[in-house]
mmCIF file of all heavy atoms, coordinates in Angstrom:
data_MODEL
# 
_entry.id   MODEL 
# 
loop_
_atom_site.group_PDB 
_atom_site.id 
_atom_site.type_symbol 
_atom_site.label_atom_id 
_atom_site.label_alt_id 
_atom_site.label_comp_id 
_atom_site.label_asym_id 
_atom_site.label_entity_id 
_atom_site.label_seq_id 
_atom_site.pdbx_PDB_ins_code 
_atom_site.Cartn_x 
_atom_site.Cartn_y 
_atom_site.Cartn_z 
_atom_site.occupancy 
_atom_site.B_iso_or_equiv 
_atom_site.pdbx_formal_charge 
_atom_site.auth_seq_id 
_atom_site.auth_comp_id 
_atom_site.auth_asym_id 
_atom_site.auth_atom_id 
_atom_site.pdbx_PDB_model_num 
ATOM 1   N N   . THR A 1 1  ? 114.132 106.536 94.725 1.00 0.00 ? 1  THR A N   1 
ATOM 2   C CA  . THR A 1 1  ? 112.991 105.671 94.416 1.00 0.00 ? 1  THR A CA  1 
ATOM 3   C C   . THR A 1 1  ? 112.526 104.940 95.670 1.00 0.00 ? 1  THR A C   1 
ATOM 4   O O   . THR A 1 1  ? 113.346 104.505 96.487 1.00 0.00 ? 1  THR A O   1 
ATOM 5   C CB  . THR A 1 1  ? 113.354 104.660 93.319 1.00 0.00 ? 1  THR A CB  1 
ATOM 6   O OG1 . THR A 1 1  ? 114.516 103.911 93.724 1.00 0.00 ? 1  THR A OG1 1 
ATOM 7   C CG2 . THR A 1 1  ? 113.666 105.377 92.003 1.00 0.00 ? 1  THR A CG2 1 
ATOM 8   N N   . LEU A 1 2  ? 111.181 104.786 95.820 1.00 0.00 ? 2  LEU A N   1 
ATOM 9   C CA  . LEU A 1 2  ? 110.618 104.257 97.054 1.00 0.00 ? 2  LEU A CA  1 
ATOM 10  C C   . LEU A 1 2  ? 109.819 102.972 96.865 1.00 0.00 ? 2  LEU A C   1 
ATOM 11  O O   . LEU A 1 2  ? 109.590 102.249 97.829 1.00 0.00 ? 2  LEU A O   1 
ATOM 12  C CB  . LEU A 1 2  ? 109.704 105.300 97.699 1.00 0.00 ? 2  LEU A CB  1 
ATOM 13  C CG  . LEU A 1 2  ? 110.339 106.648 98.051 1.00 0.00 ? 2  LEU A CG  1 
ATOM 14  C CD1 . LEU A 1 2  ? 109.279 107.594 98.618 1.00 0.00 ? 2  LEU A CD1 1 
ATOM 15  C CD2 . LEU A 1 2  ? 111.477 106.461 99.056 1.00 0.00 ? 2  LEU A CD2 1 
ATOM 16  N N   . TRP A 1 3  ? 109.355 102.683 95.644 1.00 0.00 ? 3  TRP A N   1 
ATOM 17  C CA  . TRP A 1 3  ? 108.454 101.544 95.437 1.00 0.00 ? 3  TRP A CA  1 
ATOM 18  C C   . TRP A 1 3  ? 109.093 100.481 94.551 1.00 0.00 ? 3  TRP A C   1 
ATOM 19  O O   . TRP A 1 3  ? 109.703 100.789 93.534 1.00 0.00 ? 3  TRP A O   1 
ATOM 20  C CB  . TRP A 1 3  ? 107.168 102.004 94.768 1.00 0.00 ? 3  TRP A CB  1 
ATOM 21  C CG  . TRP A 1 3  ? 106.279 102.873 95.594 1.00 0.00 ? 3  TRP A CG  1 
ATOM 22  C CD1 . TRP A 1 3  ? 106.429 103.194 96.910 1.00 0.00 ? 3  TRP A CD1 1 
ATOM 23  C CD2 . TRP A 1 3  ? 105.085 103.537 95.155 1.00 0.00 ? 3  TRP A CD2 1 
ATOM 24  N NE1 . TRP A 1 3  ? 105.419 104.016 97.318 1.00 0.00 ? 3  TRP A NE1 1 
ATOM 25  C CE2 . TRP A 1 3  ? 104.579 104.248 96.274 1.00 0.00 ? 3  TRP A CE2 1 
ATOM 26  C CE3 . TRP A 1 3  ? 104.413 103.602 93.936 1.00 0.00 ? 3  TRP A CE3 1 
ATOM 27  C CZ2 . TRP A 1 3  ? 103.413 105.011 96.196 1.00 0.00 ? 3  TRP A CZ2 1 
ATOM 28  C CZ3 . TRP A 1 3  ? 103.253 104.349 93.857 1.00 0.00 ? 3  TRP A CZ3 1 
ATOM 29  C CH2 . TRP A 1 3  ? 102.757 105.050 94.975 1.00 0.00 ? 3  TRP A CH2 1 
ATOM 30  N N   . GLY A 1 4  ? 108.929 99.235  94.938 1.00 0.00 ? 4  GLY A N   1 
ATOM 31  C CA  . GLY A 1 4  ? 109.261 98.109  94.075 1.00 0.00 ? 4  GLY A CA  1 
ATOM 32  C C   . GLY A 1 4  ? 110.735 97.933  93.767 1.00 0.00 ? 4  GLY A C   1 
ATOM 33  O O   . GLY A 1 4  ? 111.075 97.325  92.757 1.00 0.00 ? 4  GLY A O   1 
ATOM 34  N N   . GLY A 1 5  ? 111.615 98.441  94.624 1.00 0.00 ? 5  GLY A N   1 
ATOM 35  C CA  . GLY A 1 5  ? 113.045 98.285  94.363 1.00 0.00 ? 5  GLY A CA  1 
ATOM 36  C C   . GLY A 1 5  ? 113.471 99.053  93.125 1.00 0.00 ? 5  GLY A C   1 
ATOM 37  O O   . GLY A 1 5  ? 112.870 100.060 92.745 1.00 0.00 ? 5  GLY A O   1 
ATOM 38  N N   . THR A 1 6  ? 114.488 98.575  92.436 1.00 0.00 ? 6  THR A N   1 
ATOM 39  C CA  . THR A 1 6  ? 115.040 99.300  91.295 1.00 0.00 ? 6  THR A CA  1 
ATOM 40  C C   . THR A 1 6  ? 114.182 99.178  90.040 1.00 0.00 ? 6  THR A C   1 
ATOM 41  O O   . THR A 1 6  ? 114.329 99.978  89.120 1.00 0.00 ? 6  THR A O   1 
ATOM 42  C CB  . THR A 1 6  ? 116.456 98.788  90.968 1.00 0.00 ? 6  THR A CB  1 
ATOM 43  O OG1 . THR A 1 6  ? 116.396 97.378  90.690 1.00 0.00 ? 6  THR A OG1 1 
ATOM 44  C CG2 . THR A 1 6  ? 117.410 99.042  92.122 1.00 0.00 ? 6  THR A CG2 1 
ATOM 45  N N   . ASN A 1 7  ? 113.301 98.187  89.985 1.00 0.00 ? 7  ASN A N   1 
ATOM 46  C CA  . ASN A 1 7  ? 112.515 97.969  88.768 1.00 0.00 ? 7  ASN A CA  1 
ATOM 47  C C   . ASN A 1 7  ? 111.089 98.455  88.854 1.00 0.00 ? 7  ASN A C   1 
ATOM 48  O O   . ASN A 1 7  ? 110.308 98.267  87.928 1.00 0.00 ? 7  ASN A O   1 
ATOM 49  C CB  . ASN A 1 7  ? 112.520 96.490  88.391 1.00 0.00 ? 7  ASN A CB  1 
ATOM 50  C CG  . ASN A 1 7  ? 113.875 96.051  87.865 1.00 0.00 ? 7  ASN A CG  1 
ATOM 51  O OD1 . ASN A 1 7  ? 114.532 96.794  87.159 1.00 0.00 ? 7  ASN A OD1 1 
ATOM 52  N ND2 . ASN A 1 7  ? 114.292 94.851  88.236 1.00 0.00 ? 7  ASN A ND2 1 
ATOM 53  N N   . GLY A 1 8  ? 110.681 99.073  89.959 1.00 0.00 ? 8  GLY A N   1 
ATOM 54  C CA  . GLY A 1 8  ? 109.336 99.603  90.087 1.00 0.00 ? 8  GLY A CA  1 
ATOM 55  C C   . GLY A 1 8  ? 108.320 98.561  90.534 1.00 0.00 ? 8  GLY A C   1 
ATOM 56  O O   . GLY A 1 8  ? 108.621 97.381  90.696 1.00 0.00 ? 8  GLY A O   1 
ATOM 57  N N   . LEU A 1 9  ? 107.102 99.015  90.750 1.00 0.00 ? 9  LEU A N   1 
ATOM 58  C CA  . LEU A 1 9  ? 106.007 98.188  91.254 1.00 0.00 ? 9  LEU A CA  1 
ATOM 59  C C   . LEU A 1 9  ? 105.126 97.737  90.100 1.00 0.00 ? 9  LEU A C   1 
ATOM 60  O O   . LEU A 1 9  ? 104.572 98.556  89.370 1.00 0.00 ? 9  LEU A O   1 
ATOM 61  C CB  . LEU A 1 9  ? 105.182 99.001  92.267 1.00 0.00 ? 9  LEU A CB  1 
ATOM 62  C CG  . LEU A 1 9  ? 103.933 98.343  92.827 1.00 0.00 ? 9  LEU A CG  1 
ATOM 63  C CD1 . LEU A 1 9  ? 104.307 97.179  93.740 1.00 0.00 ? 9  LEU A CD1 1 
ATOM 64  C CD2 . LEU A 1 9  ? 103.093 99.378  93.584 1.00 0.00 ? 9  LEU A CD2 1 
ATOM 65  N N   . LEU A 1 10 ? 104.966 96.431  89.921 1.00 0.00 ? 10 LEU A N   1 
ATOM 66  C CA  . LEU A 1 10 ? 104.139 95.889  88.845 1.00 0.00 ? 10 LEU A CA  1 
ATOM 67  C C   . LEU A 1 10 ? 102.666 96.082  89.191 1.00 0.00 ? 10 LEU A C   1 
ATOM 68  O O   . LEU A 1 10 ? 102.193 95.641  90.236 1.00 0.00 ? 10 LEU A O   1 
ATOM 69  C CB  . LEU A 1 10 ? 104.430 94.399  88.654 1.00 0.00 ? 10 LEU A CB  1 
ATOM 70  C CG  . LEU A 1 10 ? 103.633 93.686  87.552 1.00 0.00 ? 10 LEU A CG  1 
ATOM 71  C CD1 . LEU A 1 10 ? 104.015 94.214  86.182 1.00 0.00 ? 10 LEU A CD1 1 
ATOM 72  C CD2 . LEU A 1 10 ? 103.860 92.178  87.633 1.00 0.00 ? 10 LEU A CD2 1 
ATOM 73  N N   . VAL A 1 11 ? 101.908 96.732  88.277 1.00 0.00 ? 11 VAL A N   1 
ATOM 74  C CA  . VAL A 1 11 ? 100.477 96.954  88.519 1.00 0.00 ? 11 VAL A CA  1 
ATOM 75  C C   . VAL A 1 11 ? 99.596  96.431  87.396 1.00 0.00 ? 11 VAL A C   1 
ATOM 76  O O   . VAL A 1 11 ? 98.390  96.238  87.587 1.00 0.00 ? 11 VAL A O   1 
ATOM 77  C CB  . VAL A 1 11 ? 100.164 98.454  88.756 1.00 0.00 ? 11 VAL A CB  1 
ATOM 78  C CG1 . VAL A 1 11 ? 100.759 98.923  90.071 1.00 0.00 ? 11 VAL A CG1 1 
ATOM 79  C CG2 . VAL A 1 11 ? 100.645 99.309  87.597 1.00 0.00 ? 11 VAL A CG2 1 
ATOM 80  N N   . GLY A 1 12 ? 100.157 96.215  86.187 1.00 0.00 ? 12 GLY A N   1 
ATOM 81  C CA  . GLY A 1 12 ? 99.358  95.741  85.071 1.00 0.00 ? 12 GLY A CA  1 
ATOM 82  C C   . GLY A 1 12 ? 99.993  94.553  84.392 1.00 0.00 ? 12 GLY A C   1 
ATOM 83  O O   . GLY A 1 12 ? 101.207 94.505  84.202 1.00 0.00 ? 12 GLY A O   1 
ATOM 84  N N   . PRO A 1 13 ? 99.197  93.534  84.000 1.00 0.00 ? 13 PRO A N   1 
ATOM 85  C CA  . PRO A 1 13 ? 99.736  92.284  83.452 1.00 0.00 ? 13 PRO A CA  1 
ATOM 86  C C   . PRO A 1 13 ? 100.260 92.432  82.023 1.00 0.00 ? 13 PRO A C   1 
ATOM 87  O O   . PRO A 1 13 ? 99.620  93.057  81.174 1.00 0.00 ? 13 PRO A O   1 
ATOM 88  C CB  . PRO A 1 13 ? 98.538  91.345  83.483 1.00 0.00 ? 13 PRO A CB  1 
ATOM 89  C CG  . PRO A 1 13 ? 97.363  92.252  83.321 1.00 0.00 ? 13 PRO A CG  1 
ATOM 90  C CD  . PRO A 1 13 ? 97.725  93.521  84.053 1.00 0.00 ? 13 PRO A CD  1 
ATOM 91  N N   . ALA A 1 14 ? 101.414 91.850  81.767 1.00 0.00 ? 14 ALA A N   1 
ATOM 92  C CA  . ALA A 1 14 ? 101.994 91.901  80.425 1.00 0.00 ? 14 ALA A CA  1 
ATOM 93  C C   . ALA A 1 14 ? 101.098 91.215  79.398 1.00 0.00 ? 14 ALA A C   1 
ATOM 94  O O   . ALA A 1 14 ? 100.982 91.658  78.267 1.00 0.00 ? 14 ALA A O   1 
ATOM 95  C CB  . ALA A 1 14 ? 103.382 91.256  80.440 1.00 0.00 ? 14 ALA A CB  1 
ATOM 96  N N   . GLU A 1 15 ? 100.422 90.142  79.822 1.00 0.00 ? 15 GLU A N   1 
ATOM 97  C CA  . GLU A 1 15 ? 99.614  89.373  78.878 1.00 0.00 ? 15 GLU A CA  1 
ATOM 98  C C   . GLU A 1 15 ? 98.448  90.196  78.304 1.00 0.00 ? 15 GLU A C   1 
ATOM 99  O O   . GLU A 1 15 ? 97.953  89.914  77.226 1.00 0.00 ? 15 GLU A O   1 
ATOM 100 C CB  . GLU A 1 15 ? 99.059  88.117  79.563 1.00 0.00 ? 15 GLU A CB  1 
ATOM 101 C CG  . GLU A 1 15 ? 100.119 87.157  80.041 1.00 0.00 ? 15 GLU A CG  1 
ATOM 102 C CD  . GLU A 1 15 ? 100.648 87.527  81.425 1.00 0.00 ? 15 GLU A CD  1 
ATOM 103 O OE1 . GLU A 1 15 ? 100.230 88.559  81.964 1.00 0.00 ? 15 GLU A OE1 1 
ATOM 104 O OE2 . GLU A 1 15 ? 101.481 86.769  81.958 1.00 0.00 ? 15 GLU A OE2 1 
ATOM 105 N N   . GLY A 1 16 ? 97.982  91.196  79.052 1.00 0.00 ? 16 GLY A N   1 
ATOM 106 C CA  . GLY A 1 16 ? 96.825  91.962  78.599 1.00 0.00 ? 16 GLY A CA  1 
ATOM 107 C C   . GLY A 1 16 ? 97.173  93.219  77.848 1.00 0.00 ? 16 GLY A C   1 
ATOM 108 O O   . GLY A 1 16 ? 96.287  94.002  77.509 1.00 0.00 ? 16 GLY A O   1 
ATOM 109 N N   . MET A 1 17 ? 98.460  93.456  77.569 1.00 0.00 ? 17 MET A N   1 
ATOM 110 C CA  . MET A 1 17 ? 98.905  94.673  76.881 1.00 0.00 ? 17 MET A CA  1 
ATOM 111 C C   . MET A 1 17 ? 98.338  95.928  77.558 1.00 0.00 ? 17 MET A C   1 
ATOM 112 O O   . MET A 1 17 ? 97.581  96.694  76.957 1.00 0.00 ? 17 MET A O   1 
ATOM 113 C CB  . MET A 1 17 ? 98.520  94.641  75.406 1.00 0.00 ? 17 MET A CB  1 
ATOM 114 C CG  . MET A 1 17 ? 99.260  93.617  74.593 1.00 0.00 ? 17 MET A CG  1 
ATOM 115 S SD  . MET A 1 17 ? 98.766  93.639  72.844 1.00 0.00 ? 17 MET A SD  1 
ATOM 116 C CE  . MET A 1 17 ? 99.275  95.289  72.357 1.00 0.00 ? 17 MET A CE  1 
ATOM 117 N N   . PRO A 1 18 ? 98.653  96.172  78.824 1.00 0.00 ? 18 PRO A N   1 
ATOM 118 C CA  . PRO A 1 18 ? 98.117  97.349  79.520 1.00 0.00 ? 18 PRO A CA  1 
ATOM 119 C C   . PRO A 1 18 ? 98.533  98.630  78.818 1.00 0.00 ? 18 PRO A C   1 
ATOM 120 O O   . PRO A 1 18 ? 99.655  98.754  78.335 1.00 0.00 ? 18 PRO A O   1 
ATOM 121 C CB  . PRO A 1 18 ? 98.743  97.238  80.908 1.00 0.00 ? 18 PRO A CB  1 
ATOM 122 C CG  . PRO A 1 18 ? 99.996  96.446  80.703 1.00 0.00 ? 18 PRO A CG  1 
ATOM 123 C CD  . PRO A 1 18 ? 99.654  95.465  79.623 1.00 0.00 ? 18 PRO A CD  1 
ATOM 124 N N   . ASP A 1 19 ? 97.622  99.589  78.781 1.00 0.00 ? 19 ASP A N   1 
ATOM 125 C CA  . ASP A 1 19 ? 97.852  100.758 77.932 1.00 0.00 ? 19 ASP A CA  1 
ATOM 126 C C   . ASP A 1 19 ? 97.211  102.005 78.537 1.00 0.00 ? 19 ASP A C   1 
ATOM 127 O O   . ASP A 1 19 ? 96.327  101.923 79.382 1.00 0.00 ? 19 ASP A O   1 
ATOM 128 C CB  . ASP A 1 19 ? 97.258  100.493 76.546 1.00 0.00 ? 19 ASP A CB  1 
ATOM 129 C CG  . ASP A 1 19 ? 97.964  101.282 75.446 1.00 0.00 ? 19 ASP A CG  1 
ATOM 130 O OD1 . ASP A 1 19 ? 98.830  102.105 75.777 1.00 0.00 ? 19 ASP A OD1 1 
ATOM 131 O OD2 . ASP A 1 19 ? 97.639  101.055 74.274 1.00 0.00 ? 19 ASP A OD2 1 
ATOM 132 N N   . THR A 1 20 ? 97.666  103.162 78.054 1.00 0.00 ? 20 THR A N   1 
ATOM 133 C CA  . THR A 1 20 ? 97.136  104.498 78.372 1.00 0.00 ? 20 THR A CA  1 
ATOM 134 C C   . THR A 1 20 ? 96.872  104.721 79.862 1.00 0.00 ? 20 THR A C   1 
ATOM 135 O O   . THR A 1 20 ? 95.748  104.968 80.273 1.00 0.00 ? 20 THR A O   1 
ATOM 136 C CB  . THR A 1 20 ? 95.858  104.793 77.563 1.00 0.00 ? 20 THR A CB  1 
ATOM 137 O OG1 . THR A 1 20 ? 94.872  103.801 77.847 1.00 0.00 ? 20 THR A OG1 1 
ATOM 138 C CG2 . THR A 1 20 ? 96.132  104.840 76.078 1.00 0.00 ? 20 THR A CG2 1 
ATOM 139 N N   . PRO A 1 21 ? 97.903  104.638 80.717 1.00 0.00 ? 21 PRO A N   1 
ATOM 140 C CA  . PRO A 1 21 ? 97.689  104.842 82.149 1.00 0.00 ? 21 PRO A CA  1 
ATOM 141 C C   . PRO A 1 21 ? 97.421  106.309 82.483 1.00 0.00 ? 21 PRO A C   1 
ATOM 142 O O   . PRO A 1 21 ? 97.939  107.220 81.846 1.00 0.00 ? 21 PRO A O   1 
ATOM 143 C CB  . PRO A 1 21 ? 99.024  104.386 82.758 1.00 0.00 ? 21 PRO A CB  1 
ATOM 144 C CG  . PRO A 1 21 ? 100.023 104.684 81.694 1.00 0.00 ? 21 PRO A CG  1 
ATOM 145 C CD  . PRO A 1 21 ? 99.321  104.378 80.397 1.00 0.00 ? 21 PRO A CD  1 
ATOM 146 N N   . THR A 1 22 ? 96.592  106.513 83.495 1.00 0.00 ? 22 THR A N   1 
ATOM 147 C CA  . THR A 1 22 ? 96.385  107.830 84.098 1.00 0.00 ? 22 THR A CA  1 
ATOM 148 C C   . THR A 1 22 ? 96.623  107.665 85.587 1.00 0.00 ? 22 THR A C   1 
ATOM 149 O O   . THR A 1 22 ? 95.985  106.817 86.226 1.00 0.00 ? 22 THR A O   1 
ATOM 150 C CB  . THR A 1 22 ? 94.955  108.346 83.842 1.00 0.00 ? 22 THR A CB  1 
ATOM 151 O OG1 . THR A 1 22 ? 94.770  108.531 82.441 1.00 0.00 ? 22 THR A OG1 1 
ATOM 152 C CG2 . THR A 1 22 ? 94.721  109.664 84.553 1.00 0.00 ? 22 THR A CG2 1 
ATOM 153 N N   . VAL A 1 23 ? 97.536  108.458 86.171 1.00 0.00 ? 23 VAL A N   1 
ATOM 154 C CA  . VAL A 1 23 ? 97.857  108.339 87.586 1.00 0.00 ? 23 VAL A CA  1 
ATOM 155 C C   . VAL A 1 23 ? 97.499  109.641 88.299 1.00 0.00 ? 23 VAL A C   1 
ATOM 156 O O   . VAL A 1 23 ? 97.693  110.733 87.762 1.00 0.00 ? 23 VAL A O   1 
ATOM 157 C CB  . VAL A 1 23 ? 99.362  107.983 87.787 1.00 0.00 ? 23 VAL A CB  1 
ATOM 158 C CG1 . VAL A 1 23 ? 100.268 109.061 87.242 1.00 0.00 ? 23 VAL A CG1 1 
ATOM 159 C CG2 . VAL A 1 23 ? 99.658  107.700 89.245 1.00 0.00 ? 23 VAL A CG2 1 
ATOM 160 N N   . LEU A 1 24 ? 96.935  109.510 89.514 1.00 0.00 ? 24 LEU A N   1 
ATOM 161 C CA  . LEU A 1 24 ? 96.522  110.663 90.301 1.00 0.00 ? 24 LEU A CA  1 
ATOM 162 C C   . LEU A 1 24 ? 96.877  110.449 91.764 1.00 0.00 ? 24 LEU A C   1 
ATOM 163 O O   . LEU A 1 24 ? 96.693  109.353 92.297 1.00 0.00 ? 24 LEU A O   1 
ATOM 164 C CB  . LEU A 1 24 ? 95.002  110.887 90.201 1.00 0.00 ? 24 LEU A CB  1 
ATOM 165 C CG  . LEU A 1 24 ? 94.410  111.114 88.821 1.00 0.00 ? 24 LEU A CG  1 
ATOM 166 C CD1 . LEU A 1 24 ? 93.781  109.826 88.322 1.00 0.00 ? 24 LEU A CD1 1 
ATOM 167 C CD2 . LEU A 1 24 ? 93.376  112.215 88.857 1.00 0.00 ? 24 LEU A CD2 1 
ATOM 168 N N   . ALA A 1 25 ? 97.363  111.492 92.415 1.00 0.00 ? 25 ALA A N   1 
ATOM 169 C CA  . ALA A 1 25 ? 97.691  111.426 93.838 1.00 0.00 ? 25 ALA A CA  1 
ATOM 170 C C   . ALA A 1 25 ? 96.412  111.290 94.656 1.00 0.00 ? 25 ALA A C   1 
ATOM 171 O O   . ALA A 1 25 ? 95.366  111.829 94.293 1.00 0.00 ? 25 ALA A O   1 
ATOM 172 C CB  . ALA A 1 25 ? 98.452  112.679 94.254 1.00 0.00 ? 25 ALA A CB  1 
ATOM 173 N N   . ASP A 1 26 ? 96.517  110.545 95.773 1.00 0.00 ? 26 ASP A N   1 
ATOM 174 C CA  . ASP A 1 26 ? 95.343  110.357 96.636 1.00 0.00 ? 26 ASP A CA  1 
ATOM 175 C C   . ASP A 1 26 ? 95.319  111.329 97.811 1.00 0.00 ? 26 ASP A C   1 
ATOM 176 O O   . ASP A 1 26 ? 94.403  111.287 98.638 1.00 0.00 ? 26 ASP A O   1 
ATOM 177 C CB  . ASP A 1 26 ? 95.267  108.913 97.134 1.00 0.00 ? 26 ASP A CB  1 
ATOM 178 C CG  . ASP A 1 26 ? 96.398  108.559 98.096 1.00 0.00 ? 26 ASP A CG  1 
ATOM 179 O OD1 . ASP A 1 26 ? 97.281  109.405 98.360 1.00 0.00 ? 26 ASP A OD1 1 
ATOM 180 O OD2 . ASP A 1 26 ? 96.414  107.395 98.566 1.00 0.00 ? 26 ASP A OD2 1 
# 
C-alpha cells in the first residue's frame, strides 16, 4: 500500500454519506 498509511487516503466526508464512487487512472 502506498497512500494514506494503513487506513487509506480520505477523499469523501462522512457527514455527507459519500456514495457510488467511480475511479479512473490518469
